[in-house]
Amino acid sequence: MAAGIRVGLLMLSYPPLRFIGAELTAHEHMKALQQSGASVRVYVHEFDHTKAMSYDGVDLYPVPSMSQVADECDIVITHPFESSVFTNRFSELAAHGVPLVMFVHSAWSSVMRSVLRDPDSIDLLVYNSEDTRSYFDGLMPDRDHERDLVVNPPLRQCVLDSTGVLDPFAPLPTRPSVPTITLVNPIRGKGVDTVAAVAALLPQFRYLVVPGGYGRPALDAFDEAISYGADVVVHPAQLDPCSMDEVYAETSVLMVPSHNEAWGSVGLEALAHGVPVVASGLPGIVEALGDSATYAGPLNFGAMAELVEEALDIVHAPPPSSSYADFVTNSRAHVVAQVAKNQLQRQQLVSRISSIAGKARLSQPRTVYR
């Protein structure tokens, strides 16, 4: 479908330099384009190598001049938070007739500024959720929505393979021997204070804290809970999603009490692993997790603690209870439905990018860089 199309992705950073949701999502989209026959080059601003390297089959390069990017690419994709680095150089791409696609992953103020600076110059806005799109729709009521698309962040193939979630005959996951509540990325915006408050209310349980790809970990939030006897274990390093199996194998309940979140990728990963999720009821999280998770306000510590205890009762219910098996059946069905929806969305993405790039190439042929 995308055969012969040359796609360039301009990024501030990229795996394996760090692992954050927006960049992992961009990587999965690049793989989908590559598998459809496109040639993909990822230009990384923070890349400190003088030569190209490869990550998971996708080639990474230092950022060259925009004229070289224009020579090498039929279409260029970026993220809004990269625009502060690249925006002043996009005019060079436009002068060469190179169309621009922007992946919009949140409604943060920096993202809004980047999108709203000149939305008419963006040939395709790709939102990560209906919630994100509806927010920007209100800011750009006159925009032609034929130039917009929603593509949810996909679960990585390694997660689907390791969990067997697509196999209707897959056995139940092995439950951890010690009741453990896990938080990924212990920063304020991700709700570290909420988890710490729950730990202070329920110090009899173990708490596993896994560093994220950005932000300053606020581990001091757990000082009170530790003084009450809570066992708080901090994982030594951030993990690639393909290396998270060990974390989920230790996890009874995942908490996602975020104050800002446009989608719930880590929650979907947990559900695929048979781990219940207790989350804040932000629209993007609910859109991702649906009825498979339970929700409370991130500042309602008592309600959060009650939901955690209820989830622990399900996971660690003694035989002959079927509550955990029923949970796994329902959560797997939800994940399978999300995967099927996302496959269609990514087909649309490949088709739209191929169409835009093909039209631009026909209207303004350029010298191919070699």
Protein backbone atom coordinates (compact mmCIF):
# COMPACT_ATOMS: atom_id res chain seq x y z
CA MET A 1 0.00 0.00 0.00
CA ALA A 2 2.85 2.38 0.88
CA ALA A 3 5.37 0.88 -1.55
CA GLY A 4 7.92 3.43 -2.72
CA ILE A 5 6.86 6.17 -0.28
CA ARG A 6 9.77 7.70 1.62
CA VAL A 7 8.75 8.68 5.15
CA GLY A 8 10.82 10.84 7.51
CA LEU A 9 10.08 11.14 11.23
CA LEU A 10 11.60 14.10 13.10
CA MET A 11 11.91 13.37 16.83
CA LEU A 12 13.45 14.98 19.87
CA SER A 13 14.25 11.52 21.25
CA TYR A 14 13.40 7.93 20.42
CA PRO A 15 13.85 4.39 21.76
CA PRO A 16 16.31 3.09 22.88
CA LEU A 17 17.44 6.51 24.14
CA ARG A 18 14.35 6.47 26.35
CA PHE A 19 10.99 4.71 26.50
CA ILE A 20 7.94 6.95 26.77
CA GLY A 21 4.48 6.34 25.41
CA ALA A 22 4.37 8.96 22.66
CA GLU A 23 7.70 7.87 21.20
CA LEU A 24 6.92 4.16 21.46
CA THR A 25 3.63 4.86 19.66
CA ALA A 26 5.47 6.72 16.89
CA HIS A 27 7.81 3.75 16.58
CA GLU A 28 4.91 1.32 16.16
CA HIS A 29 3.43 3.57 13.47
CA MET A 30 6.78 3.63 11.67
CA LYS A 31 6.89 -0.16 11.75
CA ALA A 32 3.40 -0.31 10.25
CA LEU A 33 4.45 2.01 7.42
CA GLN A 34 7.63 0.01 6.86
CA GLN A 35 5.72 -3.27 6.75
CA SER A 36 3.43 -1.74 4.13
CA GLY A 37 6.38 -1.06 1.84
CA ALA A 38 7.40 2.47 2.83
CA SER A 39 11.02 3.45 3.34
CA VAL A 40 11.35 4.97 6.84
CA ARG A 41 14.07 7.21 8.23
CA VAL A 42 13.87 8.50 11.82
CA TYR A 43 15.86 11.68 12.52
CA VAL A 44 16.60 12.07 16.24
CA HIS A 45 17.60 15.46 17.67
CA GLU A 46 19.24 13.95 20.78
CA PHE A 47 21.10 11.33 18.75
CA ASP A 48 24.78 11.44 19.71
CA HIS A 49 26.07 9.04 17.09
CA THR A 50 27.68 10.18 13.87
CA LYS A 51 26.40 7.13 12.03
CA ALA A 52 23.00 5.53 11.69
CA MET A 53 21.85 2.81 14.04
CA SER A 54 18.79 0.61 14.10
CA TYR A 55 16.16 0.00 16.76
CA ASP A 56 13.72 -2.86 16.31
CA GLY A 57 14.23 -2.80 12.54
CA VAL A 58 13.83 0.97 12.13
CA ASP A 59 16.84 3.07 11.11
CA LEU A 60 17.79 6.13 13.20
CA TYR A 61 19.90 9.07 12.01
CA PRO A 62 21.18 12.38 13.35
CA VAL A 63 19.10 15.33 12.12
CA PRO A 64 20.62 16.73 8.88
CA SER A 65 19.70 19.97 7.16
CA MET A 66 16.05 20.38 6.20
CA SER A 67 17.05 20.51 2.53
CA GLN A 68 18.55 17.03 2.91
CA VAL A 69 15.42 15.83 4.74
CA ALA A 70 13.38 17.19 1.84
CA ASP A 71 15.57 15.32 -0.64
CA GLU A 72 15.30 12.08 1.33
CA CYS A 73 11.57 12.14 2.13
CA ASP A 74 8.22 12.39 0.36
CA ILE A 75 6.46 13.19 3.63
CA VAL A 76 7.63 14.28 7.09
CA ILE A 77 6.05 13.43 10.43
CA THR A 78 6.74 15.03 13.80
CA HIS A 79 5.36 15.47 17.31
CA PRO A 80 4.10 18.81 18.65
CA PHE A 81 6.68 18.92 21.45
CA GLU A 82 9.38 18.53 18.79
CA SER A 83 8.02 21.56 16.96
CA SER A 84 9.84 23.98 19.26
CA VAL A 85 13.04 22.41 17.92
CA PHE A 86 11.99 22.09 14.28
CA THR A 87 9.19 24.62 13.62
CA ASN A 88 11.41 27.38 12.25
CA ARG A 89 12.80 24.88 9.76
CA PHE A 90 9.49 23.52 8.46
CA SER A 91 9.24 26.38 5.93
CA GLU A 92 12.18 24.79 4.09
CA LEU A 93 10.20 21.55 3.78
CA ALA A 94 7.14 23.44 2.55
CA ALA A 95 9.28 25.20 -0.06
CA HIS A 96 10.25 21.78 -1.38
CA GLY A 97 6.62 20.67 -1.46
CA VAL A 98 7.03 18.17 1.39
CA PRO A 99 3.73 17.62 3.28
CA LEU A 100 3.68 17.58 7.09
CA VAL A 101 1.93 15.14 9.45
CA MET A 102 1.75 15.72 13.19
CA PHE A 103 1.12 13.06 15.85
CA VAL A 104 -0.85 14.75 18.67
CA HIS A 105 -0.50 12.81 21.90
CA SER A 106 -1.97 15.15 24.54
CA ALA A 107 -3.51 18.54 25.25
CA TRP A 108 -0.53 19.89 27.17
CA SER A 109 0.03 23.63 26.73
CA SER A 110 3.22 23.08 24.70
CA VAL A 111 1.34 20.71 22.39
CA MET A 112 -1.50 23.21 21.96
CA ARG A 113 0.90 26.00 21.06
CA SER A 114 2.60 23.84 18.44
CA VAL A 115 -0.64 22.70 16.81
CA LEU A 116 -2.38 26.08 16.92
CA ARG A 117 0.60 28.06 15.63
CA ASP A 118 -0.29 27.28 12.01
CA PRO A 119 -2.80 24.39 11.77
CA ASP A 120 -3.46 24.99 8.06
CA SER A 121 0.15 24.03 7.29
CA ILE A 122 -0.39 20.56 8.80
CA ASP A 123 -1.66 18.17 6.14
CA LEU A 124 -2.76 15.52 8.63
CA LEU A 125 -3.29 15.67 12.40
CA VAL A 126 -3.19 12.21 13.96
CA TYR A 127 -4.72 12.14 17.45
CA ASN A 128 -4.09 9.35 19.93
CA SER A 129 -7.67 9.28 21.25
CA GLU A 130 -11.15 10.62 20.61
CA ASP A 131 -10.75 12.59 23.83
CA THR A 132 -7.71 14.41 22.44
CA ARG A 133 -9.44 15.08 19.12
CA SER A 134 -12.57 16.46 20.77
CA TYR A 135 -10.43 18.86 22.80
CA PHE A 136 -8.69 20.25 19.71
CA ASP A 137 -11.95 20.30 17.75
CA GLY A 138 -13.16 22.91 20.21
CA LEU A 139 -10.06 25.00 19.59
CA MET A 140 -10.20 24.71 15.78
CA PRO A 141 -13.92 24.70 14.85
CA ASP A 142 -13.20 25.71 11.25
CA ARG A 143 -10.63 23.03 10.50
CA ASP A 144 -11.47 20.51 7.78
CA HIS A 145 -11.81 17.29 9.75
CA GLU A 146 -11.04 15.25 6.65
CA ARG A 147 -7.47 16.23 7.51
CA ASP A 148 -7.69 14.59 10.94
CA LEU A 149 -7.47 10.98 12.09
CA VAL A 150 -7.64 9.09 15.39
CA VAL A 151 -5.17 6.24 15.83
CA ASN A 152 -4.90 4.82 19.33
CA PRO A 153 -1.48 3.77 20.63
CA PRO A 154 -1.10 0.07 19.77
CA LEU A 155 -0.01 -2.69 22.08
CA ARG A 156 3.39 -3.91 20.94
CA GLN A 157 3.59 -7.32 19.31
CA CYS A 158 5.93 -8.55 22.03
CA VAL A 159 3.18 -7.91 24.61
CA LEU A 160 0.59 -9.76 22.52
CA ASP A 161 3.00 -12.68 22.02
CA SER A 162 4.20 -12.99 25.61
CA THR A 163 0.73 -12.78 27.16
CA GLY A 164 -1.04 -14.99 24.63
CA VAL A 165 -3.96 -12.59 24.93
CA LEU A 166 -5.07 -13.31 21.34
CA ASP A 167 -5.20 -17.05 22.03
CA PRO A 168 -8.65 -18.04 23.33
CA PHE A 169 -7.12 -21.16 24.90
CA ALA A 170 -4.29 -19.39 26.72
CA PRO A 171 -3.98 -20.50 30.35
CA LEU A 172 -4.59 -18.16 33.27
CA PRO A 173 -1.57 -16.08 34.26
CA THR A 174 0.32 -17.15 37.36
CA ARG A 175 -0.62 -14.89 40.24
CA PRO A 176 2.10 -13.36 42.45
CA SER A 177 2.68 -15.01 45.80
CA VAL A 178 2.86 -11.66 47.62
CA PRO A 179 0.01 -9.12 47.12
CA THR A 180 1.73 -6.29 45.26
CA ILE A 181 0.49 -2.90 44.02
CA THR A 182 2.53 -1.37 41.17
CA LEU A 183 3.00 2.16 39.84
CA VAL A 184 4.86 2.93 36.61
CA ASN A 185 6.57 6.35 36.47
CA PRO A 186 6.48 7.76 40.02
CA ILE A 187 6.04 11.45 39.20
CA ARG A 188 3.40 13.90 40.43
CA GLY A 189 1.43 13.98 37.19
CA LYS A 190 1.17 10.17 37.15
CA GLY A 191 -0.26 10.12 40.68
CA VAL A 192 2.68 9.08 42.85
CA ASP A 193 1.13 10.96 45.80
CA THR A 194 -2.07 8.96 45.41
CA VAL A 195 -0.24 5.63 45.47
CA ALA A 196 1.82 6.80 48.44
CA ALA A 197 -1.37 7.76 50.29
CA VAL A 198 -2.88 4.34 49.55
CA ALA A 199 0.33 2.74 50.82
CA ALA A 200 -0.03 4.71 54.06
CA LEU A 201 -3.64 3.49 54.37
CA LEU A 202 -2.74 -0.10 53.43
CA PRO A 203 0.84 -0.61 54.65
CA GLN A 204 0.40 -4.38 54.95
CA PHE A 205 0.93 -4.79 51.20
CA ARG A 206 3.99 -4.60 48.98
CA TYR A 207 4.42 -1.67 46.57
CA LEU A 208 6.52 -1.90 43.41
CA VAL A 209 7.62 1.38 41.82
CA VAL A 210 8.99 1.33 38.26
CA PRO A 211 10.80 4.40 36.85
CA GLY A 212 9.40 6.01 33.71
CA GLY A 213 11.03 7.67 30.73
CA TYR A 214 10.70 11.28 31.86
CA GLY A 215 10.08 13.46 34.91
CA ARG A 216 11.77 13.47 38.28
CA PRO A 217 10.77 10.49 40.46
CA ALA A 218 9.14 11.73 43.66
CA LEU A 219 10.08 8.75 45.82
CA ASP A 220 10.00 10.88 48.98
CA ALA A 221 6.21 10.68 48.71
CA PHE A 222 6.46 7.18 50.23
CA ASP A 223 8.27 8.28 53.40
CA GLU A 224 5.12 8.25 55.54
CA ALA A 225 3.96 4.86 54.21
CA ILE A 226 7.41 3.39 54.88
CA SER A 227 7.26 4.73 58.43
CA TYR A 228 4.02 2.75 58.84
CA GLY A 229 5.75 -0.43 57.71
CA ALA A 230 4.89 -0.50 54.00
CA ASP A 231 7.33 -2.49 51.88
CA VAL A 232 8.17 -0.14 48.99
CA VAL A 233 10.45 -1.64 46.33
CA VAL A 234 11.89 0.61 43.62
CA HIS A 235 12.88 -1.10 40.39
CA PRO A 236 16.47 -0.14 39.49
CA ALA A 237 15.76 1.13 35.98
CA GLN A 238 13.15 1.96 33.38
CA LEU A 239 12.19 -0.97 31.17
CA ASP A 240 11.34 -1.37 27.53
CA PRO A 241 7.70 -2.57 27.29
CA CYS A 242 9.04 -5.84 25.89
CA SER A 243 10.91 -6.37 29.18
CA MET A 244 7.96 -5.65 31.47
CA ASP A 245 6.84 -9.28 31.83
CA GLU A 246 8.78 -9.63 35.08
CA VAL A 247 7.07 -6.57 36.52
CA TYR A 248 3.56 -7.75 35.66
CA ALA A 249 4.38 -11.23 36.98
CA GLU A 250 5.01 -9.60 40.37
CA THR A 251 1.97 -7.31 40.19
CA SER A 252 -1.41 -8.02 41.73
CA VAL A 253 -2.92 -4.60 40.93
CA LEU A 254 -1.67 -1.76 38.73
CA MET A 255 -2.55 1.77 39.80
CA VAL A 256 -2.89 4.50 37.16
CA PRO A 257 -4.06 7.49 39.22
CA SER A 258 -2.87 10.07 36.69
CA HIS A 259 -3.82 13.72 36.80
CA ASN A 260 -3.09 14.11 33.08
CA GLU A 261 -3.42 11.25 30.62
CA ALA A 262 -4.77 11.08 27.06
CA TRP A 263 -4.71 7.29 26.78
CA GLY A 264 -4.03 4.26 28.98
CA SER A 265 -1.35 2.14 27.32
CA VAL A 266 0.17 0.85 30.54
CA GLY A 267 -3.31 -0.12 31.71
CA LEU A 268 -3.96 -2.10 28.54
CA GLU A 269 -0.61 -3.86 28.96
CA ALA A 270 -1.62 -4.79 32.50
CA LEU A 271 -5.01 -6.12 31.37
CA ALA A 272 -3.27 -8.21 28.72
CA HIS A 273 -1.15 -9.71 31.50
CA GLY A 274 -4.20 -10.48 33.62
CA VAL A 275 -3.57 -7.63 36.09
CA PRO A 276 -6.52 -5.55 37.37
CA VAL A 277 -6.23 -1.79 37.00
CA VAL A 278 -7.36 0.91 39.43
CA ALA A 279 -7.25 4.27 37.67
CA SER A 280 -8.39 7.85 37.75
CA GLY A 281 -11.46 8.36 35.59
CA LEU A 282 -9.92 10.68 33.02
CA PRO A 283 -11.77 10.46 29.69
CA GLY A 284 -8.74 9.15 27.77
CA ILE A 285 -8.08 6.41 30.32
CA VAL A 286 -11.73 5.35 30.33
CA GLU A 287 -11.69 5.36 26.51
CA ALA A 288 -8.75 2.95 26.61
CA LEU A 289 -9.76 0.64 29.46
CA GLY A 290 -13.57 0.80 29.46
CA ASP A 291 -15.35 -1.38 32.00
CA SER A 292 -12.27 -3.57 32.47
CA ALA A 293 -10.78 -1.14 35.01
CA THR A 294 -12.21 0.50 38.13
CA TYR A 295 -12.05 4.25 38.71
CA ALA A 296 -11.91 6.89 41.42
CA GLY A 297 -10.73 10.47 41.60
CA PRO A 298 -6.95 10.64 42.08
CA LEU A 299 -7.37 12.74 45.23
CA ASN A 300 -9.99 10.42 46.72
CA PHE A 301 -7.45 8.30 48.57
CA GLY A 302 -10.03 6.35 50.55
CA ALA A 303 -11.96 5.30 47.44
CA MET A 304 -8.73 4.35 45.70
CA ALA A 305 -7.71 2.19 48.65
CA GLU A 306 -11.10 0.44 48.66
CA LEU A 307 -10.82 -0.34 44.94
CA VAL A 308 -7.31 -1.70 45.45
CA GLU A 309 -8.52 -4.02 48.21
CA GLU A 310 -11.41 -5.22 46.04
CA ALA A 311 -9.01 -5.96 43.18
CA LEU A 312 -6.65 -7.82 45.53
CA ASP A 313 -9.58 -9.94 46.72
CA ILE A 314 -10.24 -10.95 43.10
CA VAL A 315 -6.61 -11.77 42.28
CA HIS A 316 -5.87 -13.65 45.46
CA ALA A 317 -9.25 -15.32 46.00
CA PRO A 318 -8.69 -18.92 47.15
CA PRO A 319 -10.15 -21.86 45.22
CA PRO A 320 -12.82 -22.68 44.24
CA SER A 321 -13.57 -18.99 43.51
CA SER A 322 -13.83 -18.20 39.78
CA SER A 323 -13.61 -14.43 40.23
CA TYR A 324 -10.07 -14.14 38.86
CA ALA A 325 -10.79 -16.39 35.88
CA ASP A 326 -13.87 -14.31 35.08
CA PHE A 327 -11.82 -11.11 35.31
CA VAL A 328 -9.14 -12.47 32.97
CA THR A 329 -11.75 -13.61 30.43
CA ASN A 330 -13.39 -10.18 30.39
CA SER A 331 -10.15 -8.20 30.33
CA ARG A 332 -8.72 -10.30 27.50
CA ALA A 333 -11.91 -9.77 25.48
CA HIS A 334 -11.52 -6.02 25.95
CA VAL A 335 -7.87 -6.08 24.87
CA VAL A 336 -8.68 -8.20 21.80
CA ALA A 337 -11.39 -5.70 20.78
CA GLN A 338 -8.96 -2.79 21.19
CA VAL A 339 -6.31 -4.60 19.13
CA ALA A 340 -8.81 -5.24 16.31
CA LYS A 341 -9.91 -1.59 16.32
CA ASN A 342 -6.32 -0.39 16.28
CA GLN A 343 -5.40 -2.59 13.34
CA LEU A 344 -8.10 -0.88 11.27
CA GLN A 345 -6.94 2.54 12.47
CA ARG A 346 -3.36 1.85 11.45
CA GLN A 347 -4.50 0.67 8.04
CA GLN A 348 -6.23 4.03 7.67
CA LEU A 349 -3.07 5.82 8.79
CA VAL A 350 -0.91 4.02 6.23
CA SER A 351 -3.47 4.73 3.52
CA ARG A 352 -3.76 8.44 4.35
CA ILE A 353 -0.01 9.00 4.59
CA SER A 354 0.55 7.13 1.33
CA SER A 355 -2.13 9.17 -0.43
CA ILE A 356 -0.82 12.52 0.81
CA ALA A 357 2.79 11.67 -0.04
CA GLY A 358 1.87 10.26 -3.44
CA LYS A 359 -0.08 13.37 -4.45
CA ALA A 360 2.74 15.65 -3.30
CA ARG A 361 5.30 13.63 -5.22
CA LEU A 362 3.25 13.80 -8.42
CA SER A 363 2.63 17.52 -8.11
CA GLN A 364 6.26 18.44 -7.47
CA PRO A 365 8.82 15.80 -8.50
CA ARG A 366 12.12 16.12 -6.64
CA THR A 367 15.60 14.74 -6.98
CA VAL A 368 15.99 11.56 -4.96
CA TYR A 369 18.85 11.83 -2.43
CA ARG A 370 21.23 8.92 -2.41
